[in-house]
Amino acid sequence: MKKIFLTLAAVLCCAMTTTVFTACGDDSDDSSENPAAPEFLGVATRYYIVVDSMMAELCDYTLTYYGDDNKLVTEQMKWTYDKSVKGSYWIKDVTSVVMPALVGAKMNVKLKEGAQLEGKRVGNYRPIVKRMYVTGLNKDRSTAFERLLDIGETSTSFGGSAEKIPAQIELWEQHNGVINSSYIINQNSSVASNGQIK
């Protein structure tokens, strides 16, 4: 009987030793099983602005915005009418591999030469939509983070006679644009205000 217990004890001891060494072996650092975190590339931004179609017909819009690699770009906006958004839209995609990234825009408005205002109505003097869709990208093009930002503060929608457009434009000029704001986007997705674009 004593021999049976000793044999059983020896077998259990061997089994436990084998289990311990096998478990320790599983802790080895194998790079194929534990791939490194994706390397960060930069930020892609889509600017999306919608204005009332009558405003787009009567006015010229100029936008100064942060383009590729934080460079300020100014261009005259060309609108595309879309019944589903009840207005005319403008879209621009830019990418920055310079970090921290800068995003933001300033919009200026002026009446088109010879614009006829009498008897016309505007659904909304101010932009209907003014958004920036910001996506952090890794080098493998996977998404690191996503943020949705407004260009400027949210404002009450209102419209009326087209003959009031000149007064609206004068007011916007006093505030350095109908919309104007910018942000700093960091690699960890944090966002900080960067004030207005000059």
Protein backbone atom coordinates (compact mmCIF):
# COMPACT_ATOMS: atom_id res chain seq x y z
CA MET A 1 0.00 0.00 0.00
CA LYS A 2 2.87 2.33 0.89
CA LYS A 3 4.39 1.73 -2.57
CA ILE A 4 1.08 2.69 -4.25
CA PHE A 5 0.91 6.00 -2.33
CA LEU A 6 4.54 6.82 -3.14
CA THR A 7 3.98 6.03 -6.84
CA LEU A 8 0.81 8.17 -6.87
CA ALA A 9 2.67 11.05 -5.17
CA ALA A 10 5.50 10.83 -7.71
CA VAL A 11 3.04 10.91 -10.64
CA LEU A 12 1.19 13.94 -9.19
CA CYS A 13 4.49 15.75 -8.59
CA CYS A 14 5.57 15.20 -12.21
CA ALA A 15 2.18 16.34 -13.53
CA MET A 16 2.27 19.54 -11.47
CA THR A 17 5.84 20.33 -12.54
CA THR A 18 4.93 19.86 -16.21
CA THR A 19 1.88 22.17 -15.82
CA VAL A 20 3.92 24.94 -14.14
CA PHE A 21 6.66 24.91 -16.81
CA THR A 22 4.08 24.82 -19.63
CA ALA A 23 2.26 27.84 -18.14
CA CYS A 24 5.51 29.75 -17.85
CA GLY A 25 6.29 28.99 -21.46
CA ASP A 26 2.96 30.55 -22.57
CA ASP A 27 4.06 33.94 -21.18
CA SER A 28 6.82 34.31 -23.79
CA ASP A 29 6.62 37.51 -25.87
CA ASP A 30 5.82 36.35 -29.39
CA SER A 31 5.39 39.38 -31.67
CA SER A 32 3.29 37.37 -34.12
CA GLU A 33 0.70 36.73 -31.38
CA ASN A 34 0.94 40.22 -29.82
CA PRO A 35 1.18 42.71 -32.69
CA ALA A 36 2.25 46.28 -31.93
CA ALA A 37 -0.42 49.00 -31.78
CA PRO A 38 -1.06 50.69 -35.17
CA GLU A 39 1.18 53.67 -35.88
CA PHE A 40 -0.68 57.00 -36.07
CA LEU A 41 -0.64 58.77 -39.45
CA GLY A 42 -2.66 61.99 -39.13
CA VAL A 43 -6.09 63.56 -39.42
CA ALA A 44 -8.59 63.59 -42.30
CA THR A 45 -11.24 66.33 -42.26
CA ARG A 46 -14.38 66.73 -44.34
CA TYR A 47 -15.85 70.24 -44.41
CA TYR A 48 -19.58 70.17 -45.13
CA ILE A 49 -21.53 73.43 -45.46
CA VAL A 50 -25.12 73.96 -46.59
CA VAL A 51 -26.72 77.34 -47.33
CA ASP A 52 -30.19 78.44 -48.41
CA SER A 53 -30.43 78.08 -52.20
CA MET A 54 -31.71 81.65 -52.63
CA MET A 55 -28.68 82.92 -50.70
CA ALA A 56 -26.42 80.87 -52.99
CA GLU A 57 -28.17 82.41 -56.00
CA LEU A 58 -27.87 86.01 -54.79
CA CYS A 59 -24.48 86.00 -53.02
CA ASP A 60 -20.84 85.08 -53.54
CA TYR A 61 -19.24 83.11 -50.71
CA THR A 62 -15.52 82.97 -49.96
CA LEU A 63 -14.13 80.42 -47.52
CA THR A 64 -10.74 80.51 -45.82
CA TYR A 65 -10.06 77.10 -44.23
CA TYR A 66 -7.26 74.86 -43.01
CA GLY A 67 -6.37 72.59 -45.92
CA ASP A 68 -3.77 69.85 -46.31
CA ASP A 69 -1.05 69.87 -43.62
CA ASN A 70 -2.47 72.91 -41.76
CA LYS A 71 -2.08 75.32 -44.71
CA LEU A 72 -4.65 78.11 -44.94
CA VAL A 73 -6.50 78.10 -48.27
CA THR A 74 -8.98 80.69 -49.59
CA GLU A 75 -11.41 79.86 -52.38
CA GLN A 76 -14.72 80.98 -53.80
CA MET A 77 -17.35 78.39 -52.92
CA LYS A 78 -19.19 76.61 -55.73
CA TRP A 79 -22.55 75.26 -54.64
CA THR A 80 -24.44 72.09 -55.59
CA TYR A 81 -28.20 72.12 -55.12
CA ASP A 82 -29.69 69.19 -53.20
CA LYS A 83 -33.44 69.02 -52.57
CA SER A 84 -32.94 66.45 -49.77
CA VAL A 85 -31.03 68.97 -47.63
CA LYS A 86 -33.31 71.84 -48.72
CA GLY A 87 -30.36 73.91 -49.82
CA SER A 88 -27.06 74.06 -51.69
CA TYR A 89 -23.99 72.31 -50.32
CA TRP A 90 -20.20 72.52 -50.55
CA ILE A 91 -17.82 69.70 -49.54
CA LYS A 92 -14.04 69.63 -49.19
CA ASP A 93 -11.79 66.78 -47.97
CA VAL A 94 -8.34 67.56 -46.57
CA THR A 95 -5.63 65.59 -44.73
CA SER A 96 -2.95 66.64 -42.27
CA VAL A 97 0.02 64.51 -41.27
CA VAL A 98 1.36 67.48 -39.31
CA MET A 99 0.37 67.11 -35.67
CA PRO A 100 -1.26 68.71 -33.84
CA ALA A 101 -3.67 69.30 -36.74
CA LEU A 102 -5.54 72.55 -37.30
CA VAL A 103 -9.13 72.57 -38.57
CA GLY A 104 -11.54 75.44 -39.02
CA ALA A 105 -12.92 77.99 -41.44
CA LYS A 106 -13.98 81.60 -41.96
CA MET A 107 -16.78 82.40 -44.41
CA ASN A 108 -17.33 85.82 -45.97
CA VAL A 109 -20.37 86.79 -48.02
CA LYS A 110 -21.05 89.58 -50.52
CA LEU A 111 -23.93 90.31 -52.89
CA LYS A 112 -23.39 89.26 -56.47
CA GLU A 113 -23.06 92.16 -58.88
CA GLY A 114 -26.50 93.10 -60.21
CA ALA A 115 -28.36 90.80 -57.78
CA GLN A 116 -32.11 91.51 -57.82
CA LEU A 117 -33.46 91.39 -54.26
CA GLU A 118 -36.92 92.89 -54.60
CA GLY A 119 -39.80 90.47 -54.08
CA LYS A 120 -37.53 87.50 -53.20
CA ARG A 121 -37.51 85.61 -49.91
CA VAL A 122 -34.75 83.72 -48.13
CA GLY A 123 -35.46 80.69 -45.95
CA ASN A 124 -32.34 81.23 -43.81
CA TYR A 125 -29.77 84.03 -44.01
CA ARG A 126 -27.12 82.03 -42.13
CA PRO A 127 -25.65 78.65 -43.16
CA ILE A 128 -28.02 75.77 -42.47
CA VAL A 129 -25.21 73.25 -41.81
CA LYS A 130 -21.56 74.07 -41.01
CA ARG A 131 -19.74 70.96 -39.88
CA MET A 132 -16.33 69.37 -39.85
CA TYR A 133 -16.08 65.57 -39.70
CA VAL A 134 -12.63 64.79 -38.25
CA THR A 135 -11.13 61.27 -38.41
CA GLY A 136 -7.84 60.23 -36.86
CA LEU A 137 -6.08 57.75 -39.16
CA ASN A 138 -3.48 55.08 -38.48
CA LYS A 139 -0.87 54.23 -41.12
CA ASP A 140 -2.86 51.12 -42.06
CA ARG A 141 -5.82 53.49 -42.72
CA SER A 142 -7.76 52.14 -39.76
CA THR A 143 -9.75 54.70 -37.74
CA ALA A 144 -8.10 55.91 -34.53
CA PHE A 145 -10.91 58.31 -33.53
CA GLU A 146 -13.81 60.35 -34.94
CA ARG A 147 -15.02 63.81 -33.95
CA LEU A 148 -17.86 66.02 -35.21
CA LEU A 149 -17.28 69.77 -34.84
CA ASP A 150 -19.35 72.83 -35.71
CA ILE A 151 -17.76 75.83 -37.42
CA GLY A 152 -18.82 78.63 -35.10
CA GLU A 153 -21.56 78.69 -32.55
CA THR A 154 -25.03 77.27 -33.10
CA SER A 155 -27.37 80.06 -34.17
CA THR A 156 -31.11 80.49 -34.45
CA SER A 157 -32.41 79.86 -37.96
CA PHE A 158 -34.31 82.74 -39.48
CA GLY A 159 -35.08 84.14 -42.90
CA GLY A 160 -37.18 86.82 -44.55
CA SER A 161 -37.01 89.34 -47.33
CA ALA A 162 -33.93 89.20 -49.56
CA GLU A 163 -33.79 92.99 -49.26
CA LYS A 164 -32.43 92.50 -45.72
CA ILE A 165 -29.35 90.61 -46.97
CA PRO A 166 -27.12 93.74 -47.17
CA ALA A 167 -27.80 94.50 -43.49
CA GLN A 168 -26.95 90.90 -42.57
CA ILE A 169 -23.69 91.07 -44.53
CA GLU A 170 -22.71 94.29 -42.75
CA LEU A 171 -23.35 92.62 -39.38
CA TRP A 172 -21.28 89.56 -40.33
CA GLU A 173 -18.37 91.76 -41.42
CA GLN A 174 -18.32 93.30 -37.93
CA HIS A 175 -17.88 89.78 -36.51
CA ASN A 176 -15.09 88.76 -38.96
CA GLY A 177 -17.28 86.47 -41.07
CA VAL A 178 -20.68 84.82 -41.03
CA ILE A 179 -18.96 81.78 -39.46
CA ASN A 180 -15.44 81.76 -38.06
CA SER A 181 -13.75 79.33 -35.67
CA SER A 182 -10.83 76.93 -35.55
CA TYR A 183 -9.61 74.05 -33.40
CA ILE A 184 -6.44 72.16 -32.52
CA ILE A 185 -6.74 68.35 -32.81
CA ASN A 186 -4.17 66.30 -30.90
CA GLN A 187 -3.06 62.73 -31.61
CA ASN A 188 -4.99 61.48 -28.55
CA SER A 189 -8.20 62.99 -30.10
CA SER A 190 -8.43 65.87 -27.61
CA VAL A 191 -9.78 69.13 -29.06
CA ALA A 192 -8.92 72.69 -28.03
CA SER A 193 -10.27 75.98 -29.33
CA ASN A 194 -7.84 77.92 -31.54
CA GLY A 195 -9.89 81.12 -31.79
CA GLN A 196 -10.91 82.83 -35.01
CA ILE A 197 -9.09 82.83 -38.33
CA LYS A 198 -7.81 86.34 -39.09
